[in-house]
Amino acid sequence: MPLTQHYAATEPPRTEVDALPGGTVVEFGAPWCGYCQRAQPALADAFAVHPDLRHIKIEDGSGRPLGRSFRIKLWPTLIFLRDGQEVARLVRPTHAEPIREAMRRIA
């Protein structure tokens, strides 16, 4: 599955995310966030190596239930899930290698 380019304004319910089979990267952020924009090249590099992983890109904000359920504090935050269970988490990644390493753990 390719890297998702745009943040989804509508988030899936947590129960749906928890039920996803296989490897999933959930990215929380906002399109106007400078840290989020700077992370995109590293994400693209990492997804080039792991194109089979699902990528869900969620526009987060105050009062958004999915982000609060994952206790998101800073953007971007990447949650790496395997069969709906959190395996790793990266906050404000700037380089592809830590992302690829987390992806290897869920692939």
N, C-alpha and C. Protein backbone atom coordinates (compact mmCIF):
# COMPACT_ATOMS: atom_id res chain seq x y z
N MET A 1 0.84 -1.17 0.00
CA MET A 1 0.00 0.00 0.00
C MET A 1 0.89 1.24 0.00
N PRO A 2 0.59 2.19 -0.81
CA PRO A 2 1.47 3.36 -0.89
C PRO A 2 1.31 4.30 0.30
N LEU A 3 2.29 5.17 0.42
CA LEU A 3 2.25 6.21 1.43
C LEU A 3 1.03 7.10 1.17
N THR A 4 0.25 7.35 2.19
CA THR A 4 -0.90 8.23 2.07
C THR A 4 -0.41 9.67 2.05
N GLN A 5 -0.89 10.46 1.10
CA GLN A 5 -0.40 11.82 0.93
C GLN A 5 -1.15 12.85 1.77
N HIS A 6 -2.42 12.64 2.01
CA HIS A 6 -3.25 13.66 2.66
C HIS A 6 -3.80 13.16 4.00
N TYR A 7 -3.88 14.08 4.94
CA TYR A 7 -4.47 13.75 6.24
C TYR A 7 -5.98 13.59 6.10
N ALA A 8 -6.51 12.53 6.66
CA ALA A 8 -7.96 12.31 6.65
C ALA A 8 -8.59 13.19 7.74
N ALA A 9 -9.59 13.97 7.35
CA ALA A 9 -10.28 14.82 8.31
C ALA A 9 -11.21 14.00 9.20
N THR A 10 -11.69 12.87 8.68
CA THR A 10 -12.57 11.99 9.43
C THR A 10 -11.76 10.78 9.89
N GLU A 11 -11.76 10.56 11.17
CA GLU A 11 -10.97 9.45 11.72
C GLU A 11 -11.82 8.21 11.90
N PRO A 12 -11.21 7.02 11.75
CA PRO A 12 -11.95 5.80 12.04
C PRO A 12 -12.10 5.63 13.54
N PRO A 13 -13.09 4.87 13.98
CA PRO A 13 -13.20 4.59 15.42
C PRO A 13 -12.04 3.72 15.90
N ARG A 14 -11.70 3.84 17.15
CA ARG A 14 -10.58 3.07 17.72
C ARG A 14 -10.80 1.58 17.57
N THR A 15 -12.03 1.11 17.71
CA THR A 15 -12.31 -0.32 17.57
C THR A 15 -11.94 -0.82 16.18
N GLU A 16 -12.16 0.02 15.16
CA GLU A 16 -11.80 -0.36 13.79
C GLU A 16 -10.28 -0.44 13.63
N VAL A 17 -9.56 0.51 14.20
CA VAL A 17 -8.10 0.51 14.13
C VAL A 17 -7.54 -0.71 14.88
N ASP A 18 -8.09 -1.00 16.04
CA ASP A 18 -7.63 -2.15 16.83
C ASP A 18 -7.88 -3.48 16.13
N ALA A 19 -8.82 -3.52 15.21
CA ALA A 19 -9.17 -4.77 14.51
C ALA A 19 -8.41 -4.95 13.19
N LEU A 20 -7.55 -4.01 12.82
CA LEU A 20 -6.84 -4.12 11.55
C LEU A 20 -5.84 -5.27 11.57
N PRO A 21 -5.88 -6.13 10.57
CA PRO A 21 -4.92 -7.23 10.51
C PRO A 21 -3.58 -6.77 9.93
N GLY A 22 -2.51 -7.44 10.32
CA GLY A 22 -1.20 -7.14 9.75
C GLY A 22 -0.60 -5.86 10.27
N GLY A 23 0.36 -5.33 9.49
CA GLY A 23 1.10 -4.14 9.88
C GLY A 23 0.43 -2.86 9.43
N THR A 24 0.37 -1.89 10.34
CA THR A 24 -0.24 -0.59 10.05
C THR A 24 0.57 0.49 10.72
N VAL A 25 0.78 1.58 9.99
CA VAL A 25 1.40 2.78 10.55
C VAL A 25 0.30 3.84 10.61
N VAL A 26 0.01 4.32 11.81
CA VAL A 26 -0.96 5.39 11.99
C VAL A 26 -0.17 6.66 12.27
N GLU A 27 -0.37 7.65 11.42
CA GLU A 27 0.33 8.92 11.55
C GLU A 27 -0.66 9.99 12.00
N PHE A 28 -0.35 10.63 13.12
CA PHE A 28 -1.17 11.73 13.63
C PHE A 28 -0.43 13.03 13.38
N GLY A 29 -1.14 14.02 12.83
CA GLY A 29 -0.52 15.32 12.57
C GLY A 29 -1.53 16.28 11.99
N ALA A 30 -1.03 17.27 11.29
CA ALA A 30 -1.88 18.27 10.64
C ALA A 30 -1.15 18.79 9.41
N PRO A 31 -1.88 19.13 8.35
CA PRO A 31 -1.23 19.56 7.12
C PRO A 31 -0.45 20.87 7.27
N TRP A 32 -0.80 21.70 8.22
CA TRP A 32 -0.12 22.99 8.42
C TRP A 32 1.06 22.90 9.38
N CYS A 33 1.26 21.75 9.99
CA CYS A 33 2.31 21.54 11.00
C CYS A 33 3.68 21.43 10.33
N GLY A 34 4.60 22.31 10.70
CA GLY A 34 5.94 22.29 10.12
C GLY A 34 6.70 21.01 10.42
N TYR A 35 6.58 20.49 11.64
CA TYR A 35 7.25 19.23 11.98
C TYR A 35 6.71 18.09 11.12
N CYS A 36 5.41 18.10 10.87
CA CYS A 36 4.78 17.07 10.04
C CYS A 36 5.28 17.16 8.61
N GLN A 37 5.38 18.36 8.09
CA GLN A 37 5.87 18.56 6.73
C GLN A 37 7.32 18.10 6.60
N ARG A 38 8.14 18.39 7.60
CA ARG A 38 9.55 17.99 7.55
C ARG A 38 9.72 16.47 7.66
N ALA A 39 8.77 15.78 8.26
CA ALA A 39 8.86 14.31 8.40
C ALA A 39 8.50 13.57 7.12
N GLN A 40 7.83 14.22 6.19
CA GLN A 40 7.32 13.51 5.00
C GLN A 40 8.40 12.87 4.13
N PRO A 41 9.55 13.51 3.87
CA PRO A 41 10.57 12.82 3.08
C PRO A 41 11.09 11.54 3.75
N ALA A 42 11.27 11.57 5.06
CA ALA A 42 11.72 10.38 5.78
C ALA A 42 10.67 9.28 5.71
N LEU A 43 9.40 9.65 5.83
CA LEU A 43 8.31 8.67 5.70
C LEU A 43 8.29 8.07 4.30
N ALA A 44 8.45 8.91 3.29
CA ALA A 44 8.45 8.42 1.91
C ALA A 44 9.60 7.44 1.69
N ASP A 45 10.79 7.75 2.22
CA ASP A 45 11.93 6.84 2.09
C ASP A 45 11.64 5.51 2.77
N ALA A 46 11.06 5.55 3.96
CA ALA A 46 10.77 4.32 4.70
C ALA A 46 9.70 3.49 4.00
N PHE A 47 8.66 4.13 3.49
CA PHE A 47 7.61 3.39 2.79
C PHE A 47 8.09 2.82 1.46
N ALA A 48 9.14 3.38 0.89
CA ALA A 48 9.71 2.82 -0.34
C ALA A 48 10.27 1.42 -0.08
N VAL A 49 10.73 1.19 1.14
CA VAL A 49 11.28 -0.11 1.53
C VAL A 49 10.17 -1.05 2.01
N HIS A 50 9.09 -0.51 2.54
CA HIS A 50 7.99 -1.30 3.10
C HIS A 50 6.65 -0.89 2.47
N PRO A 51 6.50 -1.05 1.17
CA PRO A 51 5.26 -0.59 0.52
C PRO A 51 4.03 -1.43 0.87
N ASP A 52 4.25 -2.59 1.48
CA ASP A 52 3.15 -3.48 1.81
C ASP A 52 2.42 -3.08 3.10
N LEU A 53 2.99 -2.16 3.87
CA LEU A 53 2.35 -1.76 5.12
C LEU A 53 1.24 -0.75 4.87
N ARG A 54 0.19 -0.86 5.66
CA ARG A 54 -0.94 0.07 5.60
C ARG A 54 -0.53 1.37 6.28
N HIS A 55 -0.93 2.50 5.68
CA HIS A 55 -0.63 3.82 6.24
C HIS A 55 -1.94 4.58 6.41
N ILE A 56 -2.23 4.97 7.63
CA ILE A 56 -3.42 5.76 7.93
C ILE A 56 -2.92 7.10 8.46
N LYS A 57 -3.27 8.15 7.77
CA LYS A 57 -2.80 9.50 8.09
C LYS A 57 -3.99 10.30 8.61
N ILE A 58 -3.97 10.62 9.90
CA ILE A 58 -5.11 11.24 10.57
C ILE A 58 -4.79 12.68 10.96
N GLU A 59 -5.67 13.59 10.57
CA GLU A 59 -5.54 14.97 11.04
C GLU A 59 -6.02 15.01 12.48
N ASP A 60 -5.11 15.34 13.36
CA ASP A 60 -5.40 15.32 14.79
C ASP A 60 -5.68 16.74 15.28
N GLY A 61 -6.25 16.84 16.44
CA GLY A 61 -6.52 18.14 17.04
C GLY A 61 -7.22 17.96 18.37
N SER A 62 -7.43 19.06 19.03
CA SER A 62 -8.08 19.06 20.32
C SER A 62 -9.45 18.39 20.25
N GLY A 63 -9.68 17.47 21.16
CA GLY A 63 -10.97 16.81 21.24
C GLY A 63 -11.18 15.68 20.25
N ARG A 64 -10.19 15.33 19.46
CA ARG A 64 -10.32 14.22 18.51
C ARG A 64 -10.14 12.91 19.27
N PRO A 65 -11.15 12.05 19.26
CA PRO A 65 -11.10 10.86 20.12
C PRO A 65 -10.00 9.86 19.79
N LEU A 66 -9.69 9.67 18.51
CA LEU A 66 -8.68 8.66 18.19
C LEU A 66 -7.31 9.08 18.72
N GLY A 67 -6.94 10.33 18.49
CA GLY A 67 -5.67 10.83 19.00
C GLY A 67 -5.59 10.78 20.52
N ARG A 68 -6.69 11.11 21.16
CA ARG A 68 -6.69 11.07 22.63
C ARG A 68 -6.58 9.63 23.12
N SER A 69 -7.19 8.68 22.42
CA SER A 69 -7.12 7.29 22.85
C SER A 69 -5.69 6.74 22.77
N PHE A 70 -4.88 7.32 21.87
CA PHE A 70 -3.47 6.92 21.76
C PHE A 70 -2.56 7.86 22.57
N ARG A 71 -3.16 8.81 23.29
CA ARG A 71 -2.42 9.76 24.12
C ARG A 71 -1.39 10.57 23.31
N ILE A 72 -1.83 11.07 22.17
CA ILE A 72 -0.98 11.87 21.31
C ILE A 72 -0.79 13.24 21.93
N LYS A 73 0.46 13.68 22.04
CA LYS A 73 0.79 14.99 22.62
C LYS A 73 1.47 15.90 21.60
N LEU A 74 2.33 15.33 20.74
CA LEU A 74 3.09 16.11 19.76
C LEU A 74 2.88 15.52 18.37
N TRP A 75 3.03 16.38 17.38
CA TRP A 75 2.90 15.94 15.98
C TRP A 75 4.23 16.05 15.27
N PRO A 76 4.49 15.24 14.30
CA PRO A 76 3.74 14.03 14.05
C PRO A 76 4.12 12.94 15.03
N THR A 77 3.17 12.11 15.34
CA THR A 77 3.42 10.89 16.10
C THR A 77 3.02 9.72 15.21
N LEU A 78 3.93 8.76 15.10
CA LEU A 78 3.69 7.55 14.32
C LEU A 78 3.48 6.40 15.29
N ILE A 79 2.37 5.70 15.12
CA ILE A 79 2.07 4.51 15.92
C ILE A 79 2.20 3.31 14.98
N PHE A 80 3.02 2.34 15.36
CA PHE A 80 3.25 1.14 14.55
C PHE A 80 2.48 -0.01 15.18
N LEU A 81 1.50 -0.52 14.45
CA LEU A 81 0.62 -1.57 14.96
C LEU A 81 0.85 -2.87 14.22
N ARG A 82 0.78 -3.96 14.93
CA ARG A 82 0.77 -5.30 14.34
C ARG A 82 -0.48 -5.98 14.85
N ASP A 83 -1.41 -6.28 13.94
CA ASP A 83 -2.70 -6.89 14.30
C ASP A 83 -3.41 -6.07 15.40
N GLY A 84 -3.37 -4.74 15.24
CA GLY A 84 -4.08 -3.84 16.14
C GLY A 84 -3.39 -3.54 17.45
N GLN A 85 -2.22 -4.12 17.69
CA GLN A 85 -1.49 -3.89 18.94
C GLN A 85 -0.29 -2.98 18.69
N GLU A 86 -0.11 -1.98 19.54
CA GLU A 86 1.02 -1.07 19.38
C GLU A 86 2.32 -1.80 19.67
N VAL A 87 3.25 -1.70 18.70
CA VAL A 87 4.56 -2.33 18.82
C VAL A 87 5.64 -1.27 19.02
N ALA A 88 5.46 -0.10 18.39
CA ALA A 88 6.45 0.97 18.50
C ALA A 88 5.75 2.31 18.29
N ARG A 89 6.46 3.37 18.67
CA ARG A 89 5.94 4.73 18.54
C ARG A 89 7.14 5.65 18.31
N LEU A 90 6.98 6.56 17.37
CA LEU A 90 8.00 7.59 17.12
C LEU A 90 7.32 8.96 17.15
N VAL A 91 7.96 9.89 17.82
CA VAL A 91 7.45 11.25 17.89
C VAL A 91 8.44 12.16 17.17
N ARG A 92 7.92 12.93 16.24
CA ARG A 92 8.70 13.89 15.45
C ARG A 92 9.94 13.27 14.82
N PRO A 93 9.77 12.19 14.05
CA PRO A 93 10.93 11.60 13.40
C PRO A 93 11.48 12.53 12.32
N THR A 94 12.80 12.51 12.18
CA THR A 94 13.44 13.35 11.17
C THR A 94 14.25 12.55 10.16
N HIS A 95 14.50 11.28 10.46
CA HIS A 95 15.30 10.43 9.59
C HIS A 95 14.54 9.14 9.29
N ALA A 96 14.81 8.57 8.12
CA ALA A 96 14.10 7.38 7.68
C ALA A 96 14.47 6.13 8.46
N GLU A 97 15.71 6.01 8.91
CA GLU A 97 16.15 4.75 9.52
C GLU A 97 15.34 4.36 10.76
N PRO A 98 15.05 5.24 11.71
CA PRO A 98 14.21 4.81 12.84
C PRO A 98 12.81 4.38 12.39
N ILE A 99 12.30 5.01 11.36
CA ILE A 99 10.99 4.62 10.84
C ILE A 99 11.07 3.24 10.22
N ARG A 100 12.10 3.01 9.41
CA ARG A 100 12.28 1.68 8.79
C ARG A 100 12.45 0.60 9.86
N GLU A 101 13.22 0.90 10.92
CA GLU A 101 13.42 -0.08 12.00
C GLU A 101 12.08 -0.43 12.65
N ALA A 102 11.25 0.55 12.94
CA ALA A 102 9.93 0.27 13.52
C ALA A 102 9.07 -0.51 12.54
N MET A 103 9.17 -0.17 11.26
CA MET A 103 8.41 -0.90 10.23
C MET A 103 8.83 -2.36 10.17
N ARG A 104 10.12 -2.63 10.31
CA ARG A 104 10.60 -4.03 10.29
C ARG A 104 9.94 -4.83 11.42
N ARG A 105 9.68 -4.17 12.52
CA ARG A 105 9.09 -4.86 13.67
C ARG A 105 7.62 -5.25 13.43
N ILE A 106 6.96 -4.59 12.50
CA ILE A 106 5.54 -4.91 12.26
C ILE A 106 5.29 -5.58 10.91
N ALA A 107 6.34 -5.63 10.06
CA ALA A 107 6.17 -6.21 8.71
C ALA A 107 6.02 -7.72 8.77
